[in-house]
């Protein structure tokens, strides 16, 4: 049974990104369909997997992280417009039986992602 999860790490403050809004979209052709909206907990994770079991389907997806709003809520002085505002990670699920963990490491000036376990 596969699943999709995420994790946000605030590299500026060296801590989990708690309170980050996460939106998950399925991408079909040119259309994006919002599947789920969640907010990270104190550990920078969503309480439940974003997709689990039969919800996991092969195809293209996007995760959108509200990084700019998170840093603004942390009291970080940000320029207008923000350099990093929404972080969009476009990725694919090739095998619905596998686990896909898509974390981000983020600051107001940069971000990185990878396929975790």
Protein backbone atom coordinates (compact mmCIF):
# COMPACT_ATOMS: atom_id res chain seq x y z
CA UNK A 1 0.00 0.00 0.00
CA UNK A 2 1.60 3.26 -1.15
CA UNK A 3 1.46 6.68 0.40
CA UNK A 4 2.49 10.29 -0.19
CA UNK A 5 3.91 12.38 2.65
CA UNK A 6 5.88 15.59 3.08
CA UNK A 7 8.03 17.45 5.61
CA UNK A 8 9.07 21.11 5.82
CA UNK A 9 12.42 22.13 7.32
CA UNK A 10 13.16 25.80 8.00
CA UNK A 11 16.87 26.09 7.26
CA UNK A 12 16.95 29.75 8.37
CA UNK A 13 16.05 28.91 11.96
CA UNK A 14 17.21 25.27 11.99
CA UNK A 15 13.83 23.84 12.96
CA UNK A 16 10.75 22.14 11.50
CA UNK A 17 8.45 24.42 9.53
CA UNK A 18 5.32 24.33 11.70
CA UNK A 19 2.15 25.95 10.37
CA UNK A 20 3.00 25.82 6.65
CA UNK A 21 -0.02 25.45 4.40
CA UNK A 22 0.39 22.58 1.91
CA UNK A 23 -1.83 22.10 -1.14
CA UNK A 24 -1.78 18.95 -3.26
CA UNK A 25 -2.93 19.04 -6.89
CA UNK A 26 -3.31 16.27 -9.44
CA UNK A 27 -2.29 17.45 -12.92
CA UNK A 28 -4.25 16.02 -15.87
CA UNK A 29 -3.11 17.52 -19.15
CA UNK A 30 -3.28 21.27 -18.57
CA UNK A 31 -5.82 21.05 -15.75
CA UNK A 32 -4.89 21.08 -12.07
CA UNK A 33 -7.35 19.62 -9.58
CA UNK A 34 -6.97 20.45 -5.89
CA UNK A 35 -7.03 17.17 -3.96
CA UNK A 36 -6.13 18.23 -0.45
CA UNK A 37 -5.12 21.19 1.71
CA UNK A 38 -3.33 20.64 5.02
CA UNK A 39 -1.09 22.47 7.49
CA UNK A 40 2.16 21.14 8.94
CA UNK A 41 2.33 20.30 12.65
CA UNK A 42 5.06 21.15 15.19
CA UNK A 43 7.34 18.57 13.57
CA UNK A 44 6.89 20.17 10.13
CA UNK A 45 4.80 17.22 8.91
CA UNK A 46 1.16 16.73 8.04
CA UNK A 47 -0.64 14.62 10.66
CA UNK A 48 -1.82 12.12 8.04
CA UNK A 49 -0.36 11.08 4.67
CA UNK A 50 -1.52 13.33 1.84
CA UNK A 51 -2.47 10.20 -0.11
CA UNK A 52 -2.81 6.68 1.24
CA UNK A 53 -3.60 3.29 -0.27
CA UNK A 54 -6.17 3.46 -3.07
CA UNK A 55 -5.87 7.28 -3.14
CA UNK A 56 -2.36 6.90 -4.59
CA UNK A 57 -2.59 6.83 -8.38
CA UNK A 58 0.11 7.02 -11.01
CA UNK A 59 0.38 10.40 -12.67
CA UNK A 60 1.60 13.95 -12.29
CA UNK A 61 1.13 16.02 -9.14
CA UNK A 62 2.08 19.36 -7.63
CA UNK A 63 2.70 20.24 -4.01
CA UNK A 64 2.40 23.95 -3.22
CA UNK A 65 3.91 25.16 0.05
CA UNK A 66 2.97 28.56 1.54
CA UNK A 67 6.55 29.41 2.47
CA UNK A 68 6.23 33.19 2.21
CA UNK A 69 3.26 33.30 4.59
CA UNK A 70 5.12 30.99 6.97
CA UNK A 71 8.21 33.25 7.10
CA UNK A 72 6.04 36.37 7.46
CA UNK A 73 4.28 34.74 10.44
CA UNK A 74 7.74 34.00 11.93
CA UNK A 75 8.51 37.74 11.85
CA UNK A 76 11.13 37.45 9.10
CA UNK A 77 11.57 40.73 7.21
CA UNK A 78 10.65 39.93 3.62
CA UNK A 79 10.88 42.12 0.52
CA UNK A 80 7.78 42.91 -1.53
CA UNK A 81 7.27 41.08 -3.68
CA UNK A 82 8.66 38.11 -1.80
CA UNK A 83 11.57 36.30 -3.45
CA UNK A 84 10.29 32.88 -2.30
CA UNK A 85 6.54 32.95 -1.78
CA UNK A 86 4.89 29.73 -2.89
CA UNK A 87 7.17 26.75 -3.46
CA UNK A 88 5.76 24.55 -6.21
CA UNK A 89 7.15 21.03 -6.54
CA UNK A 90 5.97 19.23 -9.68
CA UNK A 91 6.58 15.47 -9.46
CA UNK A 92 5.31 12.16 -10.75
CA UNK A 93 4.13 8.96 -9.15
CA UNK A 94 5.19 6.04 -11.34
CA UNK A 95 4.28 3.18 -8.97
CA UNK A 96 1.19 3.59 -6.79
CA UNK A 97 2.36 0.78 -4.48
CA UNK A 98 5.47 2.69 -3.36
CA UNK A 99 5.91 5.37 -0.71
CA UNK A 100 6.68 8.87 -1.96
CA UNK A 101 8.05 11.32 0.59
CA UNK A 102 8.56 14.82 -0.85
CA UNK A 103 10.22 17.07 1.75
CA UNK A 104 11.45 20.62 1.31
CA UNK A 105 14.26 22.51 2.98
CA UNK A 106 13.41 26.20 2.70
CA UNK A 107 14.53 29.73 3.52
CA UNK A 108 13.21 33.09 2.28
CA UNK A 109 15.90 32.93 -0.44
CA UNK A 110 16.16 29.28 -1.53
CA UNK A 111 14.63 25.82 -1.34
CA UNK A 112 15.55 22.25 -2.14
CA UNK A 113 13.67 18.98 -2.40
CA UNK A 114 14.39 15.30 -2.92
CA UNK A 115 12.57 11.99 -2.87
CA UNK A 116 12.83 10.76 0.67
CA UNK A 117 11.86 7.43 2.14
